[in-house]
Amino acid sequence: MVSKRKHSINVGESFKKDWQLYVMLIPLFIWLVYFAYKPLYGLIIAFKDYSVFKGIADSKWVGLENFKYLLTGPGSVYFWRAFKNTIVISLYNIIFGFPIPIILAIMFNEMKNKFFRKSVQTIVYLPYFFSDVVIAGIIISILSPNIGVINNILVNLGIINDGIYFLVEPKYFRSIFVLSDIWKESGFNSIIYFAALSGISPILYEAARMDGASKFQQIKNITIPGIMPTIIIMFILRVGKLLNIGYERILLLYTPQTYEKADIISTYIYRLGLKENGMMDVATATGLFNSIIAFILVYVTNRITRKLSDTGLW
């Protein structure tokens, strides 16, 4: 009872002292309720035979029929194809893309010339601020079979005789998308690790140099262990996004010829609910299934990292 009373007193004193800050949180709270929690009511659509004309309340309740249609019914072939493609692309992104921001942050930390470091950081951060439309346009231009830089280089080197239609060949699509994602996201994501590096005491590096440690040994024994909690947390969050790949760039780049390798869950939901069939109930069920799997992945990954390193989200 005493501890609860002290806690309530501390909260009250904090509110009186910093009431201006709490007032500033009100717009954020309103936004959160209206755009994050209110739309959760729409999840009911996943359990109904939804009709736009009848609305959510008057549509017929069908229980798990939409999930059966999705997982084992007529729509399962396309869903599992999209599910597989999403997993494969995300795993490629984690394996090849997750270490890049860490490497960039360590490189920036080792650069002693501030002007050079800031110049490189600006160049590396810049792609993050390009829209997916711009990114897709750059990719299409670079990979063009007639005027693309890549094809021109390959032709001039004698490796190929005619330009390759990279964006029409299914076997190239995943690699193209993952490389474009790494180019766009890695620089900006390195900011988090670069900030974490500032928390490592310079005294540790001085002591290591006095003991004769090489630069590689300093990075291995001081830098990486120093930012390991940040790496673990970012990895858990990345695993939580395993099934969440943005559909915008995919829609701009893929073609009917590459559906087999390029169709992912988000494009499947878009096509199912808005473009072709208007099956908003099955599309909502797909999104809910996606969210449940993402939560399970985060929970399991967090439990594993807790046991291995005593670091996690909770």
Protein backbone atom coordinates (compact mmCIF):
# COMPACT_ATOMS: atom_id res chain seq x y z
CA MET A 1 0.00 0.00 0.00
CA VAL A 2 2.81 2.38 0.91
CA SER A 3 4.66 1.75 -2.36
CA LYS A 4 1.48 2.30 -4.41
CA ARG A 5 0.81 5.54 -2.54
CA LYS A 6 4.36 6.75 -3.15
CA HIS A 7 4.03 5.86 -6.83
CA SER A 8 0.80 7.85 -7.16
CA ILE A 9 2.38 10.82 -5.38
CA ASN A 10 5.39 10.71 -7.73
CA VAL A 11 3.11 10.64 -10.78
CA GLY A 12 1.11 13.56 -9.42
CA GLU A 13 4.23 15.58 -8.72
CA SER A 14 5.59 14.79 -12.17
CA PHE A 15 2.35 15.98 -13.78
CA LYS A 16 2.38 19.24 -11.80
CA LYS A 17 6.01 19.86 -12.65
CA ASP A 18 5.87 18.99 -16.36
CA TRP A 19 2.20 19.59 -17.20
CA GLN A 20 3.17 21.50 -20.35
CA LEU A 21 4.84 18.36 -21.73
CA TYR A 22 1.76 16.27 -20.97
CA VAL A 23 -0.44 18.82 -22.75
CA MET A 24 1.79 18.52 -25.81
CA LEU A 25 1.10 14.77 -25.81
CA ILE A 26 -2.66 15.30 -26.25
CA PRO A 27 -2.56 15.73 -30.08
CA LEU A 28 -0.42 12.58 -30.36
CA PHE A 29 -2.84 10.69 -28.11
CA ILE A 30 -5.82 11.81 -30.22
CA TRP A 31 -4.01 10.79 -33.40
CA LEU A 32 -3.14 7.40 -31.88
CA VAL A 33 -6.74 6.71 -30.84
CA TYR A 34 -8.25 7.84 -34.13
CA PHE A 35 -5.79 6.29 -36.58
CA ALA A 36 -4.39 3.30 -34.64
CA TYR A 37 -7.13 2.03 -32.33
CA LYS A 38 -10.37 3.07 -34.02
CA PRO A 39 -9.55 1.16 -37.26
CA LEU A 40 -9.22 -2.04 -35.19
CA TYR A 41 -13.02 -2.24 -35.31
CA GLY A 42 -12.65 -3.06 -39.00
CA LEU A 43 -10.99 -6.39 -38.12
CA ILE A 44 -14.52 -7.76 -37.68
CA ILE A 45 -14.71 -7.81 -41.48
CA ALA A 46 -12.37 -10.83 -41.41
CA PHE A 47 -15.17 -12.86 -39.78
CA LYS A 48 -18.02 -11.68 -42.01
CA ASP A 49 -19.28 -12.05 -45.55
CA TYR A 50 -18.68 -8.36 -46.00
CA SER A 51 -20.76 -6.24 -48.33
CA VAL A 52 -20.01 -2.57 -48.94
CA PHE A 53 -23.72 -1.87 -49.31
CA LYS A 54 -24.71 -3.60 -46.05
CA GLY A 55 -21.80 -2.29 -44.00
CA ILE A 56 -19.92 -4.03 -41.21
CA ALA A 57 -22.81 -4.33 -38.76
CA ASP A 58 -25.36 -5.81 -41.19
CA SER A 59 -23.02 -8.16 -43.08
CA LYS A 60 -23.49 -11.87 -42.40
CA TRP A 61 -21.28 -13.46 -39.75
CA VAL A 62 -19.34 -16.42 -41.23
CA GLY A 63 -16.81 -17.18 -38.49
CA LEU A 64 -13.56 -18.63 -39.82
CA GLU A 65 -14.78 -19.25 -43.39
CA ASN A 66 -12.60 -16.46 -44.80
CA PHE A 67 -9.54 -18.00 -43.18
CA LYS A 68 -10.46 -21.43 -44.59
CA TYR A 69 -10.79 -19.89 -48.05
CA LEU A 70 -7.42 -18.24 -47.60
CA LEU A 71 -5.45 -21.17 -46.17
CA THR A 72 -7.06 -24.25 -47.72
CA GLY A 73 -9.68 -23.02 -50.19
CA PRO A 74 -9.55 -21.79 -53.79
CA GLY A 75 -7.43 -18.79 -52.81
CA SER A 76 -4.79 -20.83 -50.99
CA VAL A 77 -2.60 -21.41 -54.08
CA TYR A 78 -2.01 -17.70 -54.60
CA PHE A 79 -1.77 -16.95 -50.88
CA TRP A 80 0.91 -19.54 -50.17
CA ARG A 81 2.84 -18.39 -53.24
CA ALA A 82 2.77 -14.83 -51.91
CA PHE A 83 3.63 -16.09 -48.41
CA LYS A 84 6.67 -17.99 -49.71
CA ASN A 85 7.89 -15.05 -51.78
CA THR A 86 7.52 -12.70 -48.80
CA ILE A 87 9.53 -15.02 -46.54
CA VAL A 88 12.29 -15.53 -49.13
CA ILE A 89 12.66 -11.81 -49.93
CA SER A 90 12.67 -10.88 -46.23
CA LEU A 91 15.28 -13.53 -45.41
CA TYR A 92 17.48 -12.26 -48.25
CA ASN A 93 17.07 -8.77 -46.82
CA ILE A 94 18.00 -9.87 -43.31
CA ILE A 95 20.99 -11.97 -44.38
CA PHE A 96 22.49 -9.44 -46.80
CA GLY A 97 20.93 -6.17 -45.64
CA PHE A 98 20.87 -6.28 -41.85
CA PRO A 99 24.69 -6.17 -41.36
CA ILE A 100 25.21 -3.26 -43.80
CA PRO A 101 24.01 -0.43 -41.47
CA ILE A 102 26.21 -1.82 -38.69
CA ILE A 103 29.25 -1.85 -40.98
CA LEU A 104 28.47 1.69 -42.19
CA ALA A 105 28.12 2.97 -38.62
CA ILE A 106 31.48 1.47 -37.64
CA MET A 107 33.09 2.98 -40.74
CA PHE A 108 31.65 6.43 -39.94
CA ASN A 109 32.88 6.09 -36.36
CA GLU A 110 36.41 5.35 -37.55
CA MET A 111 36.55 8.33 -39.95
CA LYS A 112 38.60 11.08 -38.30
CA ASN A 113 38.04 13.78 -40.93
CA LYS A 114 34.67 15.31 -39.99
CA PHE A 115 34.07 16.97 -43.36
CA PHE A 116 34.71 13.74 -45.25
CA ARG A 117 32.56 11.76 -42.82
CA LYS A 118 29.62 14.16 -43.10
CA SER A 119 29.91 14.19 -46.88
CA VAL A 120 29.82 10.40 -47.06
CA GLN A 121 26.94 10.26 -44.57
CA THR A 122 24.93 12.73 -46.66
CA ILE A 123 25.46 10.67 -49.81
CA VAL A 124 24.54 7.42 -48.05
CA TYR A 125 21.48 8.86 -46.26
CA LEU A 126 20.08 10.54 -49.37
CA PRO A 127 18.37 7.51 -51.02
CA TYR A 128 16.15 7.07 -47.95
CA PHE A 129 14.36 10.30 -48.82
CA PHE A 130 13.60 9.22 -52.38
CA SER A 131 10.05 8.03 -52.92
CA ASP A 132 9.44 4.52 -54.20
CA VAL A 133 8.35 6.03 -57.51
CA VAL A 134 11.78 7.66 -57.91
CA ILE A 135 13.58 4.49 -56.81
CA ALA A 136 11.58 2.41 -59.30
CA GLY A 137 12.32 4.92 -62.07
CA ILE A 138 16.05 4.75 -61.35
CA ILE A 139 16.00 0.94 -61.37
CA ILE A 140 14.06 0.81 -64.65
CA SER A 141 16.51 3.25 -66.26
CA ILE A 142 19.62 1.43 -65.03
CA LEU A 143 18.32 -1.98 -66.09
CA SER A 144 16.83 -0.92 -69.42
CA PRO A 145 17.78 -3.45 -72.14
CA ASN A 146 18.53 -0.67 -74.63
CA ILE A 147 19.93 2.31 -72.72
CA GLY A 148 20.55 0.85 -69.26
CA VAL A 149 24.01 1.23 -67.73
CA ILE A 150 24.23 -2.41 -66.65
CA ASN A 151 23.39 -3.80 -70.08
CA ASN A 152 25.74 -1.35 -71.82
CA ILE A 153 28.62 -2.45 -69.59
CA LEU A 154 27.89 -6.15 -70.16
CA VAL A 155 27.63 -5.67 -73.93
CA ASN A 156 30.83 -3.59 -74.14
CA LEU A 157 32.73 -6.19 -72.12
CA GLY A 158 31.52 -8.88 -74.50
CA ILE A 159 29.74 -10.82 -71.77
CA ILE A 160 26.41 -10.66 -73.63
CA ASN A 161 25.44 -9.83 -77.20
CA ASP A 162 22.01 -8.30 -76.61
CA GLY A 163 20.49 -6.48 -73.66
CA ILE A 164 18.80 -8.56 -70.96
CA TYR A 165 15.23 -7.72 -69.89
CA PHE A 166 16.04 -8.00 -66.19
CA LEU A 167 12.63 -6.87 -64.94
CA VAL A 168 10.82 -9.44 -67.09
CA GLU A 169 12.95 -12.40 -65.98
CA PRO A 170 11.53 -13.89 -62.72
CA LYS A 171 14.95 -15.19 -61.60
CA TYR A 172 16.35 -11.66 -61.30
CA PHE A 173 13.46 -9.94 -59.52
CA ARG A 174 14.19 -10.85 -55.90
CA SER A 175 17.84 -9.85 -56.16
CA ILE A 176 16.93 -6.54 -57.81
CA PHE A 177 14.37 -5.72 -55.14
CA VAL A 178 16.62 -6.66 -52.21
CA LEU A 179 19.56 -4.66 -53.59
CA SER A 180 17.34 -1.61 -54.12
CA ASP A 181 16.01 -1.96 -50.57
CA ILE A 182 19.53 -2.18 -49.14
CA TRP A 183 20.58 0.90 -51.12
CA LYS A 184 17.56 2.87 -49.93
CA GLU A 185 17.41 1.87 -46.24
CA SER A 186 20.93 1.02 -45.07
CA GLY A 187 22.31 4.54 -44.78
CA PHE A 188 19.45 5.90 -42.71
CA ASN A 189 19.31 2.79 -40.51
CA SER A 190 23.00 3.25 -39.69
CA ILE A 191 22.09 6.39 -37.71
CA ILE A 192 20.76 4.24 -34.85
CA TYR A 193 23.99 2.25 -34.58
CA PHE A 194 26.12 5.38 -35.00
CA ALA A 195 24.26 6.94 -32.07
CA ALA A 196 24.82 3.79 -30.00
CA LEU A 197 28.56 3.99 -30.71
CA SER A 198 28.69 7.40 -29.04
CA GLY A 199 27.82 5.68 -25.75
CA ILE A 200 31.04 3.66 -25.72
CA SER A 201 33.68 5.23 -23.48
CA PRO A 202 36.85 6.43 -25.32
CA ILE A 203 38.84 5.21 -22.32
CA LEU A 204 38.24 1.62 -23.45
CA TYR A 205 39.85 2.33 -26.82
CA GLU A 206 42.80 4.12 -25.17
CA ALA A 207 43.39 1.16 -22.86
CA ALA A 208 43.18 -1.25 -25.81
CA ARG A 209 45.73 0.79 -27.80
CA MET A 210 48.08 0.83 -24.84
CA ASP A 211 47.82 -2.96 -24.70
CA GLY A 212 48.77 -3.15 -28.37
CA ALA A 213 45.33 -4.07 -29.75
CA SER A 214 44.91 -3.61 -33.49
CA LYS A 215 42.00 -1.70 -35.01
CA PHE A 216 40.26 -4.95 -35.90
CA GLN A 217 40.68 -6.24 -32.35
CA GLN A 218 39.24 -3.00 -30.96
CA ILE A 219 36.18 -3.33 -33.20
CA LYS A 220 35.76 -7.01 -32.33
CA ASN A 221 36.23 -6.71 -28.55
CA ILE A 222 34.94 -3.20 -27.79
CA THR A 223 32.81 -1.73 -30.56
CA ILE A 224 30.58 -4.69 -31.42
CA PRO A 225 29.98 -5.78 -27.79
CA GLY A 226 29.22 -2.13 -26.94
CA ILE A 227 26.40 -1.90 -29.47
CA MET A 228 25.22 -5.51 -29.15
CA PRO A 229 22.06 -4.59 -27.15
CA THR A 230 21.06 -2.20 -29.95
CA ILE A 231 21.81 -4.85 -32.58
CA ILE A 232 19.63 -7.39 -30.76
CA ILE A 233 16.69 -5.01 -30.38
CA MET A 234 16.89 -3.97 -34.04
CA PHE A 235 17.08 -7.63 -35.07
CA ILE A 236 13.94 -8.46 -33.08
CA LEU A 237 12.10 -5.56 -34.70
CA ARG A 238 13.34 -6.65 -38.13
CA VAL A 239 12.08 -10.19 -37.58
CA GLY A 240 8.70 -8.69 -36.64
CA LYS A 241 8.59 -7.14 -40.12
CA LEU A 242 9.38 -10.44 -41.82
CA LEU A 243 5.96 -10.56 -43.49
CA ASN A 244 5.62 -6.81 -43.89
CA ILE A 245 7.14 -5.73 -47.19
CA GLY A 246 5.90 -2.50 -48.72
CA TYR A 247 3.85 -3.05 -51.85
CA GLU A 248 4.53 0.27 -53.62
CA ARG A 249 7.89 -0.55 -55.21
CA ILE A 250 6.79 -4.11 -55.97
CA LEU A 251 3.74 -2.81 -57.85
CA LEU A 252 5.91 -0.42 -59.83
CA LEU A 253 8.48 -3.05 -60.79
CA TYR A 254 6.73 -6.37 -61.25
CA THR A 255 4.99 -7.63 -64.37
CA PRO A 256 2.66 -10.59 -65.06
CA GLN A 257 5.76 -12.56 -66.09
CA THR A 258 7.32 -12.11 -62.63
CA TYR A 259 4.21 -12.74 -60.49
CA GLU A 260 5.48 -16.19 -59.57
CA LYS A 261 8.57 -14.75 -57.82
CA ALA A 262 7.45 -11.18 -57.07
CA ASP A 263 3.92 -11.47 -55.70
CA ILE A 264 4.02 -10.89 -51.92
CA ILE A 265 1.40 -10.73 -49.18
CA SER A 266 0.90 -6.97 -49.38
CA THR A 267 0.40 -7.02 -53.17
CA TYR A 268 -1.87 -10.05 -52.78
CA ILE A 269 -4.01 -8.11 -50.27
CA TYR A 270 -4.09 -5.09 -52.57
CA ARG A 271 -5.11 -7.15 -55.57
CA LEU A 272 -7.62 -9.24 -53.62
CA GLY A 273 -9.34 -6.41 -51.78
CA LEU A 274 -9.15 -3.42 -54.08
CA LYS A 275 -8.10 -4.20 -57.62
CA GLU A 276 -9.58 -7.41 -58.98
CA ASN A 277 -12.06 -9.24 -56.79
CA GLY A 278 -13.21 -6.74 -54.17
CA MET A 279 -13.00 -9.47 -51.52
CA MET A 280 -12.36 -7.14 -48.60
CA ASP A 281 -13.32 -9.81 -46.06
CA VAL A 282 -10.65 -12.26 -47.26
CA ALA A 283 -8.14 -9.42 -47.64
CA THR A 284 -8.80 -8.39 -44.02
CA ALA A 285 -8.39 -12.00 -42.90
CA THR A 286 -5.05 -12.08 -44.71
CA GLY A 287 -3.90 -8.93 -42.94
CA LEU A 288 -5.00 -10.28 -39.55
CA PHE A 289 -3.22 -13.59 -40.18
CA ASN A 290 -0.12 -11.62 -41.15
CA SER A 291 -0.25 -9.61 -37.90
CA ILE A 292 -0.68 -12.72 -35.75
CA ILE A 293 2.34 -14.41 -37.35
CA ALA A 294 4.38 -11.20 -36.90
CA PHE A 295 3.50 -11.08 -33.18
CA ILE A 296 4.48 -14.73 -32.73
CA LEU A 297 7.80 -14.13 -34.49
CA VAL A 298 8.60 -11.13 -32.28
CA TYR A 299 7.61 -13.02 -29.12
CA VAL A 300 9.66 -16.12 -29.95
CA THR A 301 12.70 -14.10 -31.08
CA ASN A 302 12.53 -11.99 -27.94
CA ARG A 303 12.39 -15.10 -25.73
CA ILE A 304 15.38 -16.63 -27.51
CA THR A 305 17.50 -13.45 -27.27
CA ARG A 306 16.55 -13.08 -23.61
CA LYS A 307 17.91 -16.54 -22.87
CA LEU A 308 21.06 -16.09 -24.94
CA SER A 309 22.03 -12.52 -24.08
CA ASP A 310 19.66 -11.21 -21.38
CA THR A 311 18.62 -8.43 -23.78
CA GLY A 312 15.20 -7.98 -25.34
CA LEU A 313 12.25 -5.71 -25.94
CA TRP A 314 10.60 -6.74 -22.66
